[in-house]
């Protein structure tokens, strides 16, 4: 099973990027709960921050 999830904004649209980042930060618990409920595999958070996959 593969779960590709991504979001993007045009490079020059800094305001939109900041708005999306803020919304994701505010709703992180909700997104985590949905992913957990649907058993979507997650990468290790430390690996994501370091830019590597586990």
PDB file of N, CA and C in Angstrom:
ATOM      1  N   UNK A   1       0.831  -1.176   0.000  1.00  0.00           N
ATOM      2  CA  UNK A   1       0.000   0.000   0.000  1.00  0.00           C
ATOM      3  C   UNK A   1       0.882   1.248   0.000  1.00  0.00           C
ATOM      4  N   UNK A   2       0.488   2.252  -0.750  1.00  0.00           N
ATOM      5  CA  UNK A   2       1.242   3.497  -0.820  1.00  0.00           C
ATOM      6  C   UNK A   2       0.316   4.650  -0.477  1.00  0.00           C
ATOM      7  N   UNK A   3       0.798   5.549   0.335  1.00  0.00           N
ATOM      8  CA  UNK A   3       0.041   6.735   0.713  1.00  0.00           C
ATOM      9  C   UNK A   3       0.883   7.960   0.382  1.00  0.00           C
ATOM     10  N   UNK A   4       0.644   8.588  -0.757  1.00  0.00           N
ATOM     11  CA  UNK A   4       1.336   9.821  -1.112  1.00  0.00           C
ATOM     12  C   UNK A   4       0.467  10.997  -0.710  1.00  0.00           C
ATOM     13  N   UNK A   5       1.022  11.848   0.136  1.00  0.00           N
ATOM     14  CA  UNK A   5       0.306  13.030   0.588  1.00  0.00           C
ATOM     15  C   UNK A   5       1.247  14.218   0.411  1.00  0.00           C
ATOM     16  N   UNK A   6       0.780  15.244  -0.269  1.00  0.00           N
ATOM     17  CA  UNK A   6       1.637  16.418  -0.437  1.00  0.00           C
ATOM     18  C   UNK A   6       0.789  17.673  -0.568  1.00  0.00           C
ATOM     19  N   UNK A   7       1.439  18.795  -0.333  1.00  0.00           N
ATOM     20  CA  UNK A   7       0.812  20.103  -0.516  1.00  0.00           C
ATOM     21  C   UNK A   7       1.881  21.007  -1.091  1.00  0.00           C
ATOM     22  N   UNK A   8       1.449  22.002  -1.832  1.00  0.00           N
ATOM     23  CA  UNK A   8       2.415  22.932  -2.405  1.00  0.00           C
ATOM     24  C   UNK A   8       1.783  24.302  -2.599  1.00  0.00           C
ATOM     25  N   UNK A   9       2.640  25.278  -2.678  1.00  0.00           N
ATOM     26  CA  UNK A   9       2.235  26.641  -3.025  1.00  0.00           C
ATOM     27  C   UNK A   9       3.294  27.182  -3.981  1.00  0.00           C
ATOM     28  N   UNK A  10       2.885  28.076  -4.832  1.00  0.00           N
ATOM     29  CA  UNK A  10       3.867  28.689  -5.741  1.00  0.00           C
ATOM     30  C   UNK A  10       4.975  29.335  -4.923  1.00  0.00           C
ATOM     31  N   UNK A  11       6.181  29.236  -5.417  1.00  0.00           N
ATOM     32  CA  UNK A  11       7.349  29.769  -4.715  1.00  0.00           C
ATOM     33  C   UNK A  11       7.154  31.234  -4.316  1.00  0.00           C
ATOM     34  N   UNK A  12       6.559  32.009  -5.210  1.00  0.00           N
ATOM     35  CA  UNK A  12       6.392  33.445  -4.933  1.00  0.00           C
ATOM     36  C   UNK A  12       5.211  33.744  -4.001  1.00  0.00           C
ATOM     37  N   UNK A  13       4.402  32.750  -3.659  1.00  0.00           N
ATOM     38  CA  UNK A  13       3.221  32.968  -2.812  1.00  0.00           C
ATOM     39  C   UNK A  13       3.549  32.646  -1.351  1.00  0.00           C
ATOM     40  N   UNK A  14       4.411  33.453  -0.769  1.00  0.00           N
ATOM     41  CA  UNK A  14       4.860  33.259   0.613  1.00  0.00           C
ATOM     42  C   UNK A  14       3.696  33.357   1.599  1.00  0.00           C
ATOM     43  N   UNK A  15       2.764  34.271   1.351  1.00  0.00           N
ATOM     44  CA  UNK A  15       1.621  34.442   2.257  1.00  0.00           C
ATOM     45  C   UNK A  15       0.785  33.165   2.323  1.00  0.00           C
ATOM     46  N   UNK A  16       0.558  32.536   1.181  1.00  0.00           N
ATOM     47  CA  UNK A  16      -0.217  31.293   1.162  1.00  0.00           C
ATOM     48  C   UNK A  16       0.542  30.183   1.890  1.00  0.00           C
ATOM     49  N   UNK A  17       1.846  30.083   1.662  1.00  0.00           N
ATOM     50  CA  UNK A  17       2.644  29.060   2.343  1.00  0.00           C
ATOM     51  C   UNK A  17       2.552  29.231   3.855  1.00  0.00           C
ATOM     52  N   UNK A  18       2.662  30.463   4.321  1.00  0.00           N
ATOM     53  CA  UNK A  18       2.578  30.716   5.758  1.00  0.00           C
ATOM     54  C   UNK A  18       1.191  30.381   6.302  1.00  0.00           C
ATOM     55  N   UNK A  19       0.163  30.696   5.541  1.00  0.00           N
ATOM     56  CA  UNK A  19      -1.209  30.392   5.963  1.00  0.00           C
ATOM     57  C   UNK A  19      -1.438  28.881   6.062  1.00  0.00           C
ATOM     58  N   UNK A  20      -0.954  28.144   5.068  1.00  0.00           N
ATOM     59  CA  UNK A  20      -1.092  26.682   5.082  1.00  0.00           C
ATOM     60  C   UNK A  20      -0.295  26.092   6.244  1.00  0.00           C
ATOM     61  N   UNK A  21       0.933  26.560   6.442  1.00  0.00           N
ATOM     62  CA  UNK A  21       1.750  26.069   7.559  1.00  0.00           C
ATOM     63  C   UNK A  21       1.059  26.307   8.898  1.00  0.00           C
ATOM     64  N   UNK A  22       0.476  27.497   9.062  1.00  0.00           N
ATOM     65  CA  UNK A  22      -0.208  27.825  10.314  1.00  0.00           C
ATOM     66  C   UNK A  22      -1.429  26.930  10.517  1.00  0.00           C
ATOM     67  N   UNK A  23      -2.203  26.717   9.453  1.00  0.00           N
ATOM     68  CA  UNK A  23      -3.384  25.852   9.551  1.00  0.00           C
ATOM     69  C   UNK A  23      -2.983  24.424   9.902  1.00  0.00           C
ATOM     70  N   UNK A  24      -1.924  23.931   9.272  1.00  0.00           N
ATOM     71  CA  UNK A  24      -1.456  22.575   9.581  1.00  0.00           C
ATOM     72  C   UNK A  24      -0.996  22.476  11.032  1.00  0.00           C
ATOM     73  N   UNK A  25      -0.316  23.488  11.510  1.00  0.00           N
ATOM     74  CA  UNK A  25       0.142  23.487  12.902  1.00  0.00           C
ATOM     75  C   UNK A  25      -1.045  23.498  13.865  1.00  0.00           C
ATOM     76  N   UNK A  26      -2.052  24.342  13.563  1.00  0.00           N
ATOM     77  CA  UNK A  26      -3.247  24.421  14.422  1.00  0.00           C
ATOM     78  C   UNK A  26      -4.019  23.115  14.449  1.00  0.00           C
ATOM     79  N   UNK A  27      -4.102  22.426  13.330  1.00  0.00           N
ATOM     80  CA  UNK A  27      -4.948  21.243  13.203  1.00  0.00           C
ATOM     81  C   UNK A  27      -4.157  19.932  13.234  1.00  0.00           C
ATOM     82  N   UNK A  28      -2.896  19.997  13.672  1.00  0.00           N
ATOM     83  CA  UNK A  28      -2.040  18.805  13.656  1.00  0.00           C
ATOM     84  C   UNK A  28      -2.657  17.630  14.410  1.00  0.00           C
ATOM     85  N   UNK A  29      -3.211  17.874  15.571  1.00  0.00           N
ATOM     86  CA  UNK A  29      -3.811  16.791  16.353  1.00  0.00           C
ATOM     87  C   UNK A  29      -4.948  16.127  15.580  1.00  0.00           C
ATOM     88  N   UNK A  30      -5.755  16.941  14.890  1.00  0.00           N
ATOM     89  CA  UNK A  30      -6.854  16.394  14.091  1.00  0.00           C
ATOM     90  C   UNK A  30      -6.321  15.546  12.933  1.00  0.00           C
ATOM     91  N   UNK A  31      -5.309  16.062  12.243  1.00  0.00           N
ATOM     92  CA  UNK A  31      -4.722  15.314  11.121  1.00  0.00           C
ATOM     93  C   UNK A  31      -4.098  14.018  11.613  1.00  0.00           C
ATOM     94  N   UNK A  32      -3.380  14.081  12.741  1.00  0.00           N
ATOM     95  CA  UNK A  32      -2.774  12.865  13.305  1.00  0.00           C
ATOM     96  C   UNK A  32      -3.841  11.831  13.649  1.00  0.00           C
ATOM     97  N   UNK A  33      -4.952  12.291  14.219  1.00  0.00           N
ATOM     98  CA  UNK A  33      -6.028  11.367  14.595  1.00  0.00           C
ATOM     99  C   UNK A  33      -6.635  10.695  13.356  1.00  0.00           C
ATOM    100  N   UNK A  34      -6.846  11.456  12.300  1.00  0.00           N
ATOM    101  CA  UNK A  34      -7.405  10.884  11.069  1.00  0.00           C
ATOM    102  C   UNK A  34      -6.446   9.848  10.485  1.00  0.00           C
ATOM    103  N   UNK A  35      -5.178  10.201  10.403  1.00  0.00           N
ATOM    104  CA  UNK A  35      -4.188   9.258   9.860  1.00  0.00           C
ATOM    105  C   UNK A  35      -4.107   7.998  10.712  1.00  0.00           C
ATOM    106  N   UNK A  36      -4.163   8.163  12.025  1.00  0.00           N
ATOM    107  CA  UNK A  36      -4.129   7.013  12.939  1.00  0.00           C
ATOM    108  C   UNK A  36      -5.387   6.151  12.754  1.00  0.00           C
ATOM    109  N   UNK A  37      -6.557   6.787  12.674  1.00  0.00           N
ATOM    110  CA  UNK A  37      -7.813   6.049  12.512  1.00  0.00           C
ATOM    111  C   UNK A  37      -7.834   5.211  11.235  1.00  0.00           C
ATOM    112  N   UNK A  38      -7.216   5.745  10.177  1.00  0.00           N
ATOM    113  CA  UNK A  38      -7.172   5.028   8.900  1.00  0.00           C
ATOM    114  C   UNK A  38      -5.910   4.181   8.738  1.00  0.00           C
ATOM    115  N   UNK A  39      -5.142   4.110   9.815  1.00  0.00           N
ATOM    116  CA  UNK A  39      -3.915   3.290   9.865  1.00  0.00           C
ATOM    117  C   UNK A  39      -2.935   3.630   8.739  1.00  0.00           C
ATOM    118  N   UNK A  40      -2.773   4.920   8.490  1.00  0.00           N
ATOM    119  CA  UNK A  40      -1.801   5.367   7.492  1.00  0.00           C
ATOM    120  C   UNK A  40      -0.416   5.282   8.125  1.00  0.00           C
ATOM    121  N   UNK A  41       0.505   4.551   7.504  1.00  0.00           N
ATOM    122  CA  UNK A  41       1.854   4.449   8.074  1.00  0.00           C
ATOM    123  C   UNK A  41       2.517   5.822   8.111  1.00  0.00           C
ATOM    124  N   UNK A  42       3.288   6.067   9.163  1.00  0.00           N
ATOM    125  CA  UNK A  42       3.945   7.362   9.348  1.00  0.00           C
ATOM    126  C   UNK A  42       5.451   7.164   9.418  1.00  0.00           C
ATOM    127  N   UNK A  43       6.177   8.127   8.946  1.00  0.00           N
ATOM    128  CA  UNK A  43       7.627   8.122   9.097  1.00  0.00           C
ATOM    129  C   UNK A  43       7.974   8.524  10.511  1.00  0.00           C
ATOM    130  N   UNK A  44       9.094   8.053  10.985  1.00  0.00           N
ATOM    131  CA  UNK A  44       9.606   8.476  12.277  1.00  0.00           C
ATOM    132  C   UNK A  44       9.853   9.983  12.224  1.00  0.00           C
ATOM    133  N   UNK A  45       9.340  10.723  13.194  1.00  0.00           N
ATOM    134  CA  UNK A  45       9.450  12.180  13.191  1.00  0.00           C
ATOM    135  C   UNK A  45      10.894  12.663  13.187  1.00  0.00           C
ATOM    136  N   UNK A  46      11.777  12.019  13.918  1.00  0.00           N
ATOM    137  CA  UNK A  46      13.184  12.405  13.934  1.00  0.00           C
ATOM    138  C   UNK A  46      13.832  12.243  12.574  1.00  0.00           C
ATOM    139  N   UNK A  47      13.468  11.197  11.852  1.00  0.00           N
ATOM    140  CA  UNK A  47      14.019  10.963  10.510  1.00  0.00           C
ATOM    141  C   UNK A  47      13.531  12.030   9.554  1.00  0.00           C
ATOM    142  N   UNK A  48      12.269  12.454   9.687  1.00  0.00           N
ATOM    143  CA  UNK A  48      11.727  13.478   8.804  1.00  0.00           C
ATOM    144  C   UNK A  48      12.446  14.794   9.029  1.00  0.00           C
ATOM    145  N   UNK A  49      12.699  15.151  10.269  1.00  0.00           N
ATOM    146  CA  UNK A  49      13.352  16.407  10.567  1.00  0.00           C
ATOM    147  C   UNK A  49      14.801  16.415  10.081  1.00  0.00           C
ATOM    148  N   UNK A  50      15.414  15.256  10.058  1.00  0.00           N
ATOM    149  CA  UNK A  50      16.805  15.159   9.603  1.00  0.00           C
ATOM    150  C   UNK A  50      16.884  15.020   8.092  1.00  0.00           C
ATOM    151  N   UNK A  51      15.730  14.908   7.423  1.00  0.00           N
ATOM    152  CA  UNK A  51      15.720  14.797   5.978  1.00  0.00           C
ATOM    153  C   UNK A  51      16.078  13.414   5.466  1.00  0.00           C
ATOM    154  N   UNK A  52      15.850  12.400   6.284  1.00  0.00           N
ATOM    155  CA  UNK A  52      16.137  11.025   5.869  1.00  0.00           C
ATOM    156  C   UNK A  52      14.947  10.145   6.205  1.00  0.00           C
ATOM    157  N   UNK A  53      14.860   9.005   5.555  1.00  0.00           N
ATOM    158  CA  UNK A  53      13.787   8.060   5.842  1.00  0.00           C
ATOM    159  C   UNK A  53      14.323   6.959   6.718  1.00  0.00           C
ATOM    160  N   UNK A  54      13.466   6.387   7.559  1.00  0.00           N
ATOM    161  CA  UNK A  54      13.918   5.330   8.474  1.00  0.00           C
ATOM    162  C   UNK A  54      14.295   4.055   7.732  1.00  0.00           C
TER     163      UNK A  54
END
